Every structure is written in C-alpha cells, then in structure tokens.
C-alpha cells in the first residue's frame, strides 16, 4: 500500500504553531517525553529518551520493551507523536520501520491504527486504516482518516459571511431543539493546528466543528445541557472547566470560507423564531418529561373537564327551575 506514496512534496508541511493558537494554552503543543521533529530536541526533559533512540538505532526494537508495555508511557508516546510541532516527513518513518520490521508486520497495524484508536473510540477505525497517496506525516494521516466523519455530517456549502445567529445550548433546548450524540472525539488542538497550515484543501473540518461548539457553549448551563445529551463527556467534574475549554478552542480561529454548518445555523434560527415551538417545548419539558407527570397532567385535565361538565349541568338545571318558577 505504501509503495505508491510520494516521498517528496513541493510545499512545506512542518511548521511552528502560530502565536494565536499557542498563547491560549502554550504547553498543549510541546512533547512530554520524546521528540522526533526538529523543534524541541534540545530541551532538557527530553534528553533521557534521546539515549533510547540511539539504542533503537543500533539494534532492533524489542516489542516487549518496557517502554511499550507501560500504559502511561505508551499514552504519552501517542500524545507526543501527534503533536503538530513534533513531526517528520512520513517517508522517513516508513523507511525506518521497513528496516526493523518482520515479514508479517506492516506500518498500518503497528503504528497508524494504534494512533487512530488513541484519537477516537477503539473499534471505530477502518480496517485497514486508509493511508493517503501523499502522506506528509503521521498527524496528516490521522487527520485524513478522522475527517471523513466530519465530511459526512458537515455537507453544507454555506458562506461564512452569511451565518445566522444561533442561540447557546440552553436557549435551543427551551425552543425544543434536541442534541444527538456523535461517536467521535478528536484531538482538537493538534488537528486544528494542522488545519491552520493545511494547503490544497479549503475545508477545515475540525476547526469549523470547534467554532460550532464554541457558539453553543456560552455558560456552564450550556455545558451541562450538552453533557446531559451525552454530546460532551466530562471527566473533570466541572462544568466551568468544560465551558472554558470549548470557549478557548473556538477563540481567534479562522473558519472555512464555505462554512459547512451555516445551513444548520439558519434552520435552528428559523425554528427558534417561532414562539409556538418554544411554548410546545416548555409544555413537553415541564409537564410531559416523565410518564407519571404526563398521567398527572392527564388526570388534572380530566378532573377539570368533569368539573366543567358538572358546572354546565348545574347551570342548565338552575335555568330549567327558573323557567318553571316563572311559569307558575
């Protein structure tokens, strides 16, 4: 599969993260234990792993090496290999792998698939993962595989200059808008940094999605609504932290010229503009949210109907007696 890969590119593909992204969370773009790119190799805390890299260069890597068996270190390795500033041309990785592999091993199953499964929920990766013909580096391959899910959902071709106003999640819930859970989660900061310098593709799928979420979450109440709808999984235990994270992801970013969510913005805006939708949503949320509440409301309306019927019969009976009295 990898024989057809282009080994060179006419355009640069390894960059520094821009100040607009880095100043929001500087340490999010720095490797923790290993560097394979040229930008961080001199940092003191990475020197221990430099010795292991030299050892692996001199002798074949042992698949049972403690570095690969330690779950925490393995997770840190995956994290570092996906950093935007920690990339090298993919053909170098492919060459090194082929020098060290056995006959029944391939780079897709041993490197690319684990990286993908560390980026999204396990079991949702195509088998085998797709390697584009022109693969600049590992992060680009992961971006290529993950963005197929965004492309299927974000199929609109709207204009970023003509985006309707959209209410935050709490306001949408009050208007009867429900949220549907998606199965994917992505390494937003790394992929957004990659898209910031991506050439040849006008669509920034991850960046556009981050901006969409940024518009939905303006308060801790909005974050709670999305958690209750299982859109967000919060391991921090703080709605405020979730709100701040989403706000920072969507801050000072440049979305695609053909913003794919503009149709959703317009549809939701028209829905919220109808007062009837808000009334119906309030009725459903306040009085029909559980079966017992619905039964209670039904019983109350039934009792009201019976009371009204009894009142009407009483009035009619009184009128009949009044007419008889007038006759006599």
C-alpha atoms as a PDB file:
ATOM      1  CA  UNK A   1       0.000   0.000   0.000  1.00  0.00           C
ATOM      2  CA  UNK A   2       2.782   2.403   0.887  1.00  0.00           C
ATOM      3  CA  UNK A   3       4.826   1.820  -2.278  1.00  0.00           C
ATOM      4  CA  UNK A   4       2.831   4.464  -4.118  1.00  0.00           C
ATOM      5  CA  UNK A   5       3.491   7.151  -1.514  1.00  0.00           C
ATOM      6  CA  UNK A   6       5.094  10.297  -2.790  1.00  0.00           C
ATOM      7  CA  UNK A   7       8.382  10.767  -0.924  1.00  0.00           C
ATOM      8  CA  UNK A   8       8.666  14.483  -1.559  1.00  0.00           C
ATOM      9  CA  UNK A   9       6.364  17.445  -1.547  1.00  0.00           C
ATOM     10  CA  UNK A  10       6.654  20.735  -3.390  1.00  0.00           C
ATOM     11  CA  UNK A  11       5.320  22.595  -0.365  1.00  0.00           C
ATOM     12  CA  UNK A  12       6.471  22.619   3.277  1.00  0.00           C
ATOM     13  CA  UNK A  13       4.391  20.552   5.695  1.00  0.00           C
ATOM     14  CA  UNK A  14       6.126  21.043   9.070  1.00  0.00           C
ATOM     15  CA  UNK A  15       5.594  24.362  10.815  1.00  0.00           C
ATOM     16  CA  UNK A  16       5.633  26.102  14.160  1.00  0.00           C
ATOM     17  CA  UNK A  17       2.293  26.641  15.886  1.00  0.00           C
ATOM     18  CA  UNK A  18       1.146  30.222  15.424  1.00  0.00           C
ATOM     19  CA  UNK A  19       1.038  32.625  18.347  1.00  0.00           C
ATOM     20  CA  UNK A  20      -2.759  32.946  18.122  1.00  0.00           C
ATOM     21  CA  UNK A  21      -3.100  29.240  18.984  1.00  0.00           C
ATOM     22  CA  UNK A  22      -0.130  28.838  21.313  1.00  0.00           C
ATOM     23  CA  UNK A  23      -0.927  31.711  23.667  1.00  0.00           C
ATOM     24  CA  UNK A  24      -4.262  30.099  24.609  1.00  0.00           C
ATOM     25  CA  UNK A  25      -2.541  27.012  26.040  1.00  0.00           C
ATOM     26  CA  UNK A  26       1.219  27.012  25.361  1.00  0.00           C
ATOM     27  CA  UNK A  27       2.096  23.592  26.811  1.00  0.00           C
ATOM     28  CA  UNK A  28      -0.516  21.823  24.671  1.00  0.00           C
ATOM     29  CA  UNK A  29       1.907  21.821  21.738  1.00  0.00           C
ATOM     30  CA  UNK A  30       5.106  20.677  23.491  1.00  0.00           C
ATOM     31  CA  UNK A  31       6.200  16.998  23.698  1.00  0.00           C
ATOM     32  CA  UNK A  32       6.331  15.374  27.129  1.00  0.00           C
ATOM     33  CA  UNK A  33       8.849  12.546  26.740  1.00  0.00           C
ATOM     34  CA  UNK A  34      10.020  12.218  23.121  1.00  0.00           C
ATOM     35  CA  UNK A  35      10.727  14.421  20.138  1.00  0.00           C
ATOM     36  CA  UNK A  36      11.000  13.191  16.561  1.00  0.00           C
ATOM     37  CA  UNK A  37      10.803  16.577  14.875  1.00  0.00           C
ATOM     38  CA  UNK A  38      13.486  19.286  14.746  1.00  0.00           C
ATOM     39  CA  UNK A  39      11.938  21.909  17.017  1.00  0.00           C
ATOM     40  CA  UNK A  40      12.226  20.502  20.562  1.00  0.00           C
ATOM     41  CA  UNK A  41      15.179  18.106  20.516  1.00  0.00           C
ATOM     42  CA  UNK A  42      17.426  20.307  22.709  1.00  0.00           C
ATOM     43  CA  UNK A  43      15.006  20.586  25.628  1.00  0.00           C
ATOM     44  CA  UNK A  44      16.476  19.095  28.851  1.00  0.00           C
ATOM     45  CA  UNK A  45      13.479  16.974  29.879  1.00  0.00           C
ATOM     46  CA  UNK A  46      13.610  15.084  26.563  1.00  0.00           C
ATOM     47  CA  UNK A  47      17.263  14.015  26.766  1.00  0.00           C
ATOM     48  CA  UNK A  48      16.595  10.697  28.529  1.00  0.00           C
ATOM     49  CA  UNK A  49      14.617   9.418  25.568  1.00  0.00           C
ATOM     50  CA  UNK A  50      17.376  10.549  23.171  1.00  0.00           C
ATOM     51  CA  UNK A  51      19.555   7.754  24.574  1.00  0.00           C
ATOM     52  CA  UNK A  52      16.821   5.191  23.906  1.00  0.00           C
ATOM     53  CA  UNK A  53      16.523   6.470  20.337  1.00  0.00           C
ATOM     54  CA  UNK A  54      20.234   5.836  19.780  1.00  0.00           C
ATOM     55  CA  UNK A  55      19.900   2.333  21.237  1.00  0.00           C
ATOM     56  CA  UNK A  56      16.990   1.529  18.931  1.00  0.00           C
ATOM     57  CA  UNK A  57      19.065   2.764  16.011  1.00  0.00           C
ATOM     58  CA  UNK A  58      21.845   0.278  16.782  1.00  0.00           C
ATOM     59  CA  UNK A  59      19.705  -2.795  17.414  1.00  0.00           C
ATOM     60  CA  UNK A  60      16.162  -3.918  16.506  1.00  0.00           C
ATOM     61  CA  UNK A  61      13.454  -2.722  18.851  1.00  0.00           C
ATOM     62  CA  UNK A  62      12.068  -5.345  21.193  1.00  0.00           C
ATOM     63  CA  UNK A  63       8.272  -5.449  21.024  1.00  0.00           C
ATOM     64  CA  UNK A  64       8.269  -6.382  24.735  1.00  0.00           C
ATOM     65  CA  UNK A  65      10.361  -3.388  25.751  1.00  0.00           C
ATOM     66  CA  UNK A  66       9.002  -1.818  28.983  1.00  0.00           C
ATOM     67  CA  UNK A  67       8.592   1.482  27.152  1.00  0.00           C
ATOM     68  CA  UNK A  68       5.875  -0.095  25.006  1.00  0.00           C
ATOM     69  CA  UNK A  69       4.332  -2.147  27.818  1.00  0.00           C
ATOM     70  CA  UNK A  70       3.906   0.714  30.304  1.00  0.00           C
ATOM     71  CA  UNK A  71       0.395   2.058  29.756  1.00  0.00           C
ATOM     72  CA  UNK A  72       1.139   5.585  30.972  1.00  0.00           C
ATOM     73  CA  UNK A  73       4.305   5.916  28.899  1.00  0.00           C
ATOM     74  CA  UNK A  74       2.561   4.423  25.870  1.00  0.00           C
ATOM     75  CA  UNK A  75      -0.166   7.064  26.194  1.00  0.00           C
ATOM     76  CA  UNK A  76       2.467   9.813  26.429  1.00  0.00           C
ATOM     77  CA  UNK A  77       4.185   8.445  23.320  1.00  0.00           C
ATOM     78  CA  UNK A  78       0.939   8.582  21.361  1.00  0.00           C
ATOM     79  CA  UNK A  79       0.382  12.126  22.592  1.00  0.00           C
ATOM     80  CA  UNK A  80       3.832  13.275  21.512  1.00  0.00           C
ATOM     81  CA  UNK A  81       3.690  11.567  18.111  1.00  0.00           C
ATOM     82  CA  UNK A  82       0.527  13.532  17.319  1.00  0.00           C
ATOM     83  CA  UNK A  83       1.880  16.989  18.156  1.00  0.00           C
ATOM     84  CA  UNK A  84       1.943  19.450  15.273  1.00  0.00           C
ATOM     85  CA  UNK A  85       5.469  20.662  16.061  1.00  0.00           C
ATOM     86  CA  UNK A  86       6.753  17.112  16.583  1.00  0.00           C
ATOM     87  CA  UNK A  87       6.527  15.725  13.054  1.00  0.00           C
ATOM     88  CA  UNK A  88       8.991  14.474  10.456  1.00  0.00           C
ATOM     89  CA  UNK A  89       8.277  13.508   6.828  1.00  0.00           C
ATOM     90  CA  UNK A  90       6.350  10.259   6.722  1.00  0.00           C
ATOM     91  CA  UNK A  91       8.650   8.591   4.206  1.00  0.00           C
ATOM     92  CA  UNK A  92      11.417   8.680   6.875  1.00  0.00           C
ATOM     93  CA  UNK A  93       9.182   6.851   9.369  1.00  0.00           C
ATOM     94  CA  UNK A  94       8.243   4.341   6.670  1.00  0.00           C
ATOM     95  CA  UNK A  95      11.915   3.771   5.828  1.00  0.00           C
ATOM     96  CA  UNK A  96      12.921   3.244   9.469  1.00  0.00           C
ATOM     97  CA  UNK A  97      10.001   0.884  10.008  1.00  0.00           C
ATOM     98  CA  UNK A  98      10.900  -1.240   6.980  1.00  0.00           C
ATOM     99  CA  UNK A  99      14.454  -1.584   8.299  1.00  0.00           C
ATOM    100  CA  UNK A 100      13.148  -3.040  11.563  1.00  0.00           C
ATOM    101  CA  UNK A 101      10.011  -4.995  10.747  1.00  0.00           C
ATOM    102  CA  UNK A 102       9.375  -8.726  10.419  1.00  0.00           C
ATOM    103  CA  UNK A 103       7.718 -10.325   7.405  1.00  0.00           C
ATOM    104  CA  UNK A 104       4.228 -10.379   8.915  1.00  0.00           C
ATOM    105  CA  UNK A 105       4.253  -6.788  10.212  1.00  0.00           C
ATOM    106  CA  UNK A 106       3.007  -3.651   8.486  1.00  0.00           C
ATOM    107  CA  UNK A 107       3.070   0.011   9.428  1.00  0.00           C
ATOM    108  CA  UNK A 108      -0.719   0.349   9.259  1.00  0.00           C
ATOM    109  CA  UNK A 109      -1.413  -2.134  12.063  1.00  0.00           C
ATOM    110  CA  UNK A 110       1.584  -1.367  14.292  1.00  0.00           C
ATOM    111  CA  UNK A 111       1.732   2.436  14.098  1.00  0.00           C
ATOM    112  CA  UNK A 112      -1.149   4.079  12.262  1.00  0.00           C
ATOM    113  CA  UNK A 113      -4.012   2.049  13.710  1.00  0.00           C
ATOM    114  CA  UNK A 114      -2.881   2.497  17.369  1.00  0.00           C
ATOM    115  CA  UNK A 115      -2.539   6.238  16.755  1.00  0.00           C
ATOM    116  CA  UNK A 116      -6.066   6.385  15.379  1.00  0.00           C
ATOM    117  CA  UNK A 117      -7.503   4.320  18.217  1.00  0.00           C
ATOM    118  CA  UNK A 118      -5.814   6.645  20.673  1.00  0.00           C
ATOM    119  CA  UNK A 119      -7.536   9.557  18.925  1.00  0.00           C
ATOM    120  CA  UNK A 120     -11.081   8.164  18.735  1.00  0.00           C
ATOM    121  CA  UNK A 121     -13.026   5.432  20.465  1.00  0.00           C
ATOM    122  CA  UNK A 122     -11.487   1.970  19.871  1.00  0.00           C
ATOM    123  CA  UNK A 123     -13.287  -0.191  17.341  1.00  0.00           C
ATOM    124  CA  UNK A 124     -14.357   2.706  15.112  1.00  0.00           C
ATOM    125  CA  UNK A 125     -11.263   2.709  12.910  1.00  0.00           C
ATOM    126  CA  UNK A 126     -11.474   1.390   9.382  1.00  0.00           C
ATOM    127  CA  UNK A 127      -9.653  -1.892   8.863  1.00  0.00           C
ATOM    128  CA  UNK A 128      -7.128  -1.325   7.462  1.00  0.00           C
ATOM    129  CA  UNK A 129      -6.747   2.427   8.054  1.00  0.00           C
ATOM    130  CA  UNK A 130      -6.538   4.483   4.894  1.00  0.00           C
ATOM    131  CA  UNK A 131      -3.145   5.952   4.049  1.00  0.00           C
ATOM    132  CA  UNK A 132      -3.425   8.791   1.506  1.00  0.00           C
ATOM    133  CA  UNK A 133      -1.121   8.660  -1.514  1.00  0.00           C
ATOM    134  CA  UNK A 134       0.598  11.868  -0.423  1.00  0.00           C
ATOM    135  CA  UNK A 135       1.179  11.498   3.319  1.00  0.00           C
ATOM    136  CA  UNK A 136       3.189  14.350   4.796  1.00  0.00           C
ATOM    137  CA  UNK A 137       3.457  12.973   8.338  1.00  0.00           C
ATOM    138  CA  UNK A 138       1.615  10.943  10.996  1.00  0.00           C
ATOM    139  CA  UNK A 139      -0.658  13.792  12.067  1.00  0.00           C
ATOM    140  CA  UNK A 140      -1.736  14.303   8.460  1.00  0.00           C
ATOM    141  CA  UNK A 141      -2.686  10.620   8.130  1.00  0.00           C
ATOM    142  CA  UNK A 142      -4.747  10.729  11.331  1.00  0.00           C
ATOM    143  CA  UNK A 143      -6.429  13.940  10.158  1.00  0.00           C
ATOM    144  CA  UNK A 144      -7.265  12.310   6.811  1.00  0.00           C
ATOM    145  CA  UNK A 145      -8.933   9.321   8.500  1.00  0.00           C
ATOM    146  CA  UNK A 146     -10.812  11.259  11.181  1.00  0.00           C
ATOM    147  CA  UNK A 147     -12.204  13.971   8.931  1.00  0.00           C
ATOM    148  CA  UNK A 148     -14.311  11.532   6.914  1.00  0.00           C
ATOM    149  CA  UNK A 149     -16.775  11.611   9.836  1.00  0.00           C
ATOM    150  CA  UNK A 150     -16.929  15.423   9.744  1.00  0.00           C
ATOM    151  CA  UNK A 151     -17.355  15.431   5.965  1.00  0.00           C
ATOM    152  CA  UNK A 152     -20.399  13.139   6.210  1.00  0.00           C
ATOM    153  CA  UNK A 153     -22.130  15.451   8.720  1.00  0.00           C
ATOM    154  CA  UNK A 154     -20.924  18.846   7.564  1.00  0.00           C
ATOM    155  CA  UNK A 155     -22.070  18.594   3.959  1.00  0.00           C
ATOM    156  CA  UNK A 156     -23.353  22.141   3.618  1.00  0.00           C
ATOM    157  CA  UNK A 157     -21.744  24.741   1.389  1.00  0.00           C
ATOM    158  CA  UNK A 158     -22.778  27.937   3.150  1.00  0.00           C
ATOM    159  CA  UNK A 159     -20.946  31.226   3.256  1.00  0.00           C
ATOM    160  CA  UNK A 160     -19.052  32.221   6.421  1.00  0.00           C
ATOM    161  CA  UNK A 161     -20.141  35.840   5.831  1.00  0.00           C
ATOM    162  CA  UNK A 162     -23.823  34.909   5.882  1.00  0.00           C
ATOM    163  CA  UNK A 163     -24.171  32.911   9.100  1.00  0.00           C
ATOM    164  CA  UNK A 164     -27.421  33.300  11.005  1.00  0.00           C
ATOM    165  CA  UNK A 165     -27.326  33.867  14.749  1.00  0.00           C
ATOM    166  CA  UNK A 166     -27.609  30.699  16.801  1.00  0.00           C
ATOM    167  CA  UNK A 167     -28.582  30.590  20.465  1.00  0.00           C
ATOM    168  CA  UNK A 168     -26.488  28.748  23.068  1.00  0.00           C
ATOM    169  CA  UNK A 169     -27.478  25.226  24.097  1.00  0.00           C
ATOM    170  CA  UNK A 170     -29.846  26.311  26.910  1.00  0.00           C
ATOM    171  CA  UNK A 171     -31.793  28.587  24.572  1.00  0.00           C
ATOM    172  CA  UNK A 172     -32.013  25.879  21.916  1.00  0.00           C
ATOM    173  CA  UNK A 173     -33.279  23.344  24.450  1.00  0.00           C
ATOM    174  CA  UNK A 174     -36.011  25.763  25.532  1.00  0.00           C
ATOM    175  CA  UNK A 175     -37.048  26.068  21.888  1.00  0.00           C
ATOM    176  CA  UNK A 176     -37.344  22.296  21.522  1.00  0.00           C
ATOM    177  CA  UNK A 177     -34.005  21.593  19.842  1.00  0.00           C
ATOM    178  CA  UNK A 178     -32.566  18.232  20.896  1.00  0.00           C
ATOM    179  CA  UNK A 179     -28.950  17.151  20.604  1.00  0.00           C
ATOM    180  CA  UNK A 180     -27.816  13.849  19.120  1.00  0.00           C
ATOM    181  CA  UNK A 181     -24.673  12.192  20.336  1.00  0.00           C
ATOM    182  CA  UNK A 182     -21.782  11.564  17.955  1.00  0.00           C
ATOM    183  CA  UNK A 183     -19.417   8.617  18.416  1.00  0.00           C
ATOM    184  CA  UNK A 184     -16.241  10.516  17.613  1.00  0.00           C
ATOM    185  CA  UNK A 185     -13.927  12.580  19.730  1.00  0.00           C
ATOM    186  CA  UNK A 186     -10.773  14.136  18.309  1.00  0.00           C
ATOM    187  CA  UNK A 187      -7.516  15.699  19.406  1.00  0.00           C
ATOM    188  CA  UNK A 188      -8.841  19.137  18.595  1.00  0.00           C
ATOM    189  CA  UNK A 189      -5.824  21.279  19.354  1.00  0.00           C
ATOM    190  CA  UNK A 190      -3.414  19.181  17.306  1.00  0.00           C
ATOM    191  CA  UNK A 191      -5.738  18.819  14.334  1.00  0.00           C
ATOM    192  CA  UNK A 192      -6.729  22.493  14.390  1.00  0.00           C
ATOM    193  CA  UNK A 193      -3.067  23.474  14.349  1.00  0.00           C
ATOM    194  CA  UNK A 194      -2.560  21.155  11.369  1.00  0.00           C
ATOM    195  CA  UNK A 195      -5.541  22.647   9.523  1.00  0.00           C
ATOM    196  CA  UNK A 196      -4.229  26.154  10.163  1.00  0.00           C
ATOM    197  CA  UNK A 197      -1.385  25.462   7.730  1.00  0.00           C
ATOM    198  CA  UNK A 198      -3.114  22.862   5.543  1.00  0.00           C
ATOM    199  CA  UNK A 199      -2.720  23.593   1.838  1.00  0.00           C
ATOM    200  CA  UNK A 200      -4.712  22.260  -1.089  1.00  0.00           C
ATOM    201  CA  UNK A 201      -7.954  21.830   0.880  1.00  0.00           C
ATOM    202  CA  UNK A 202     -10.297  24.759   1.555  1.00  0.00           C
ATOM    203  CA  UNK A 203     -12.265  22.843   4.198  1.00  0.00           C
ATOM    204  CA  UNK A 204     -11.175  22.951   7.844  1.00  0.00           C
ATOM    205  CA  UNK A 205     -13.426  20.253   9.277  1.00  0.00           C
ATOM    206  CA  UNK A 206     -12.142  20.185  12.857  1.00  0.00           C
ATOM    207  CA  UNK A 207     -11.778  23.969  13.113  1.00  0.00           C
ATOM    208  CA  UNK A 208     -15.304  24.503  11.785  1.00  0.00           C
ATOM    209  CA  UNK A 209     -16.692  21.998  14.294  1.00  0.00           C
ATOM    210  CA  UNK A 210     -14.820  23.678  17.158  1.00  0.00           C
ATOM    211  CA  UNK A 211     -16.336  27.023  16.152  1.00  0.00           C
ATOM    212  CA  UNK A 212     -19.790  25.416  16.005  1.00  0.00           C
ATOM    213  CA  UNK A 213     -19.379  24.087  19.557  1.00  0.00           C
ATOM    214  CA  UNK A 214     -17.980  27.466  20.621  1.00  0.00           C
ATOM    215  CA  UNK A 215     -21.270  29.070  19.531  1.00  0.00           C
ATOM    216  CA  UNK A 216     -23.318  26.529  21.512  1.00  0.00           C
ATOM    217  CA  UNK A 217     -21.497  26.832  24.837  1.00  0.00           C
ATOM    218  CA  UNK A 218     -21.547  30.297  26.406  1.00  0.00           C
ATOM    219  CA  UNK A 219     -22.146  29.332  30.042  1.00  0.00           C
ATOM    220  CA  UNK A 220     -21.862  26.437  32.472  1.00  0.00           C
ATOM    221  CA  UNK A 221     -25.579  25.777  31.942  1.00  0.00           C
ATOM    222  CA  UNK A 222     -24.917  25.230  28.228  1.00  0.00           C
ATOM    223  CA  UNK A 223     -22.129  22.773  29.061  1.00  0.00           C
ATOM    224  CA  UNK A 224     -24.485  20.895  31.386  1.00  0.00           C
ATOM    225  CA  UNK A 225     -27.146  20.625  28.664  1.00  0.00           C
ATOM    226  CA  UNK A 226     -24.647  19.038  26.274  1.00  0.00           C
ATOM    227  CA  UNK A 227     -23.413  16.677  28.984  1.00  0.00           C
ATOM    228  CA  UNK A 228     -26.967  15.542  29.717  1.00  0.00           C
ATOM    229  CA  UNK A 229     -27.387  14.895  25.981  1.00  0.00           C
ATOM    230  CA  UNK A 230     -24.113  12.880  26.002  1.00  0.00           C
ATOM    231  CA  UNK A 231     -22.529  15.248  23.490  1.00  0.00           C
ATOM    232  CA  UNK A 232     -19.740  16.022  25.966  1.00  0.00           C
ATOM    233  CA  UNK A 233     -18.113  13.542  28.330  1.00  0.00           C
ATOM    234  CA  UNK A 234     -16.760  15.465  31.299  1.00  0.00           C
ATOM    235  CA  UNK A 235     -14.024  13.763  33.316  1.00  0.00           C
ATOM    236  CA  UNK A 236     -13.017  16.939  35.132  1.00  0.00           C
ATOM    237  CA  UNK A 237     -16.226  17.168  37.160  1.00  0.00           C
ATOM    238  CA  UNK A 238     -16.537  20.897  36.486  1.00  0.00           C
ATOM    239  CA  UNK A 239     -18.979  22.488  34.052  1.00  0.00           C
ATOM    240  CA  UNK A 240     -16.961  25.678  34.300  1.00  0.00           C
ATOM    241  CA  UNK A 241     -13.825  23.919  33.055  1.00  0.00           C
ATOM    242  CA  UNK A 242     -15.723  22.420  30.108  1.00  0.00           C
ATOM    243  CA  UNK A 243     -17.171  25.818  29.259  1.00  0.00           C
ATOM    244  CA  UNK A 244     -13.743  27.441  29.380  1.00  0.00           C
ATOM    245  CA  UNK A 245     -12.165  24.689  27.261  1.00  0.00           C
ATOM    246  CA  UNK A 246     -14.743  24.984  24.483  1.00  0.00           C
ATOM    247  CA  UNK A 247     -14.569  28.759  24.598  1.00  0.00           C
ATOM    248  CA  UNK A 248     -10.787  28.691  24.187  1.00  0.00           C
ATOM    249  CA  UNK A 249     -10.957  26.163  21.335  1.00  0.00           C
ATOM    250  CA  UNK A 250     -13.153  28.492  19.306  1.00  0.00           C
ATOM    251  CA  UNK A 251     -11.303  31.686  20.148  1.00  0.00           C
ATOM    252  CA  UNK A 252      -9.307  33.568  17.478  1.00  0.00           C
ATOM    253  CA  UNK A 253      -9.688  30.903  14.796  1.00  0.00           C
ATOM    254  CA  UNK A 254     -10.327  31.222  11.076  1.00  0.00           C
ATOM    255  CA  UNK A 255     -13.145  29.053   9.740  1.00  0.00           C
ATOM    256  CA  UNK A 256     -13.621  27.810   6.177  1.00  0.00           C
ATOM    257  CA  UNK A 257     -14.887  30.222   3.556  1.00  0.00           C
ATOM    258  CA  UNK A 258     -17.629  27.692   2.765  1.00  0.00           C
ATOM    259  CA  UNK A 259     -18.725  27.172   6.353  1.00  0.00           C
ATOM    260  CA  UNK A 260     -20.466  23.753   6.372  1.00  0.00           C
ATOM    261  CA  UNK A 261     -22.706  24.441   9.385  1.00  0.00           C
ATOM    262  CA  UNK A 262     -24.332  27.615   8.051  1.00  0.00           C
ATOM    263  CA  UNK A 263     -27.426  25.670   6.937  1.00  0.00           C
ATOM    264  CA  UNK A 264     -27.804  24.304  10.467  1.00  0.00           C
ATOM    265  CA  UNK A 265     -27.472  27.840  11.860  1.00  0.00           C
ATOM    266  CA  UNK A 266     -30.231  29.095   9.534  1.00  0.00           C
ATOM    267  CA  UNK A 267     -32.583  26.178  10.233  1.00  0.00           C
ATOM    268  CA  UNK A 268     -32.166  26.495  14.004  1.00  0.00           C
ATOM    269  CA  UNK A 269     -32.615  30.273  13.848  1.00  0.00           C
ATOM    270  CA  UNK A 270     -35.926  29.897  11.967  1.00  0.00           C
ATOM    271  CA  UNK A 271     -37.101  27.254  14.437  1.00  0.00           C
ATOM    272  CA  UNK A 272     -36.322  29.418  17.470  1.00  0.00           C
ATOM    273  CA  UNK A 273     -38.051  32.429  15.896  1.00  0.00           C
ATOM    274  CA  UNK A 274     -41.422  30.634  16.081  1.00  0.00           C
ATOM    275  CA  UNK A 275     -42.966  31.298  19.511  1.00  0.00           C
ATOM    276  CA  UNK A 276     -45.153  28.211  19.154  1.00  0.00           C
ATOM    277  CA  UNK A 277     -42.079  25.947  19.183  1.00  0.00           C
ATOM    278  CA  UNK A 278     -40.925  27.454  22.471  1.00  0.00           C
ATOM    279  CA  UNK A 279     -44.378  27.015  24.024  1.00  0.00           C
ATOM    280  CA  UNK A 280     -44.600  23.384  22.921  1.00  0.00           C
ATOM    281  CA  UNK A 281     -41.083  22.648  24.173  1.00  0.00           C
ATOM    282  CA  UNK A 282     -41.882  24.226  27.553  1.00  0.00           C
ATOM    283  CA  UNK A 283     -45.093  22.201  27.819  1.00  0.00           C
ATOM    284  CA  UNK A 284     -43.269  18.994  26.981  1.00  0.00           C
ATOM    285  CA  UNK A 285     -40.324  19.726  29.285  1.00  0.00           C
ATOM    286  CA  UNK A 286     -42.351  20.901  32.293  1.00  0.00           C
ATOM    287  CA  UNK A 287     -45.419  18.682  32.109  1.00  0.00           C
ATOM    288  CA  UNK A 288     -44.608  15.640  29.966  1.00  0.00           C
ATOM    289  CA  UNK A 289     -40.999  14.894  30.896  1.00  0.00           C
ATOM    290  CA  UNK A 290     -41.929  11.633  32.705  1.00  0.00           C
ATOM    291  CA  UNK A 291     -44.783   9.166  32.412  1.00  0.00           C
ATOM    292  CA  UNK A 292     -46.033   9.972  35.940  1.00  0.00           C
ATOM    293  CA  UNK A 293     -46.072  13.682  35.186  1.00  0.00           C
ATOM    294  CA  UNK A 294     -47.976  13.020  31.975  1.00  0.00           C
ATOM    295  CA  UNK A 295     -50.502  10.884  33.879  1.00  0.00           C
ATOM    296  CA  UNK A 296     -50.900  13.617  36.491  1.00  0.00           C
ATOM    297  CA  UNK A 297     -51.490  16.251  33.815  1.00  0.00           C
ATOM    298  CA  UNK A 298     -53.983  13.977  32.067  1.00  0.00           C
ATOM    299  CA  UNK A 299     -55.777  13.342  35.349  1.00  0.00           C
ATOM    300  CA  UNK A 300     -55.855  17.087  36.068  1.00  0.00           C
ATOM    301  CA  UNK A 301     -57.364  17.831  32.650  1.00  0.00           C
ATOM    302  CA  UNK A 302     -59.874  15.004  33.130  1.00  0.00           C
ATOM    303  CA  UNK A 303     -60.875  16.374  36.527  1.00  0.00           C
ATOM    304  CA  UNK A 304     -61.131  19.852  35.042  1.00  0.00           C
ATOM    305  CA  UNK A 305     -63.330  18.501  32.266  1.00  0.00           C
ATOM    306  CA  UNK A 306     -65.598  16.686  34.705  1.00  0.00           C
ATOM    307  CA  UNK A 307     -65.837  19.782  36.896  1.00  0.00           C
ATOM    308  CA  UNK A 308     -66.702  21.912  33.888  1.00  0.00           C
ATOM    309  CA  UNK A 309     -69.330  19.387  32.782  1.00  0.00           C
ATOM    310  CA  UNK A 310     -70.833  19.325  36.269  1.00  0.00           C
ATOM    311  CA  UNK A 311     -70.947  23.129  36.313  1.00  0.00           C
ATOM    312  CA  UNK A 312     -72.703  23.234  32.948  1.00  0.00           C
ATOM    313  CA  UNK A 313     -75.297  20.708  34.093  1.00  0.00           C
ATOM    314  CA  UNK A 314     -75.843  22.714  37.288  1.00  0.00           C
ATOM    315  CA  UNK A 315     -76.403  25.899  35.274  1.00  0.00           C
ATOM    316  CA  UNK A 316     -78.805  24.145  32.923  1.00  0.00           C
ATOM    317  CA  UNK A 317     -80.736  22.645  35.857  1.00  0.00           C
ATOM    318  CA  UNK A 318     -80.959  26.039  37.563  1.00  0.00           C
ATOM    319  CA  UNK A 319     -82.200  27.617  34.345  1.00  0.00           C
ATOM    320  CA  UNK A 320     -84.847  24.948  33.984  1.00  0.00           C
ATOM    321  CA  UNK A 321     -86.055  25.519  37.540  1.00  0.00           C
ATOM    322  CA  UNK A 322     -86.061  29.262  36.963  1.00  0.00           C
ATOM    323  CA  UNK A 323     -88.232  28.879  33.868  1.00  0.00           C
ATOM    324  CA  UNK A 324     -90.669  26.623  35.722  1.00  0.00           C
ATOM    325  CA  UNK A 325     -90.859  29.138  38.587  1.00  0.00           C
ATOM    326  CA  UNK A 326     -91.603  31.958  36.159  1.00  0.00           C
ATOM    327  CA  UNK A 327     -94.421  29.974  34.584  1.00  0.00           C
ATOM    328  CA  UNK A 328     -96.139  29.392  37.914  1.00  0.00           C
END
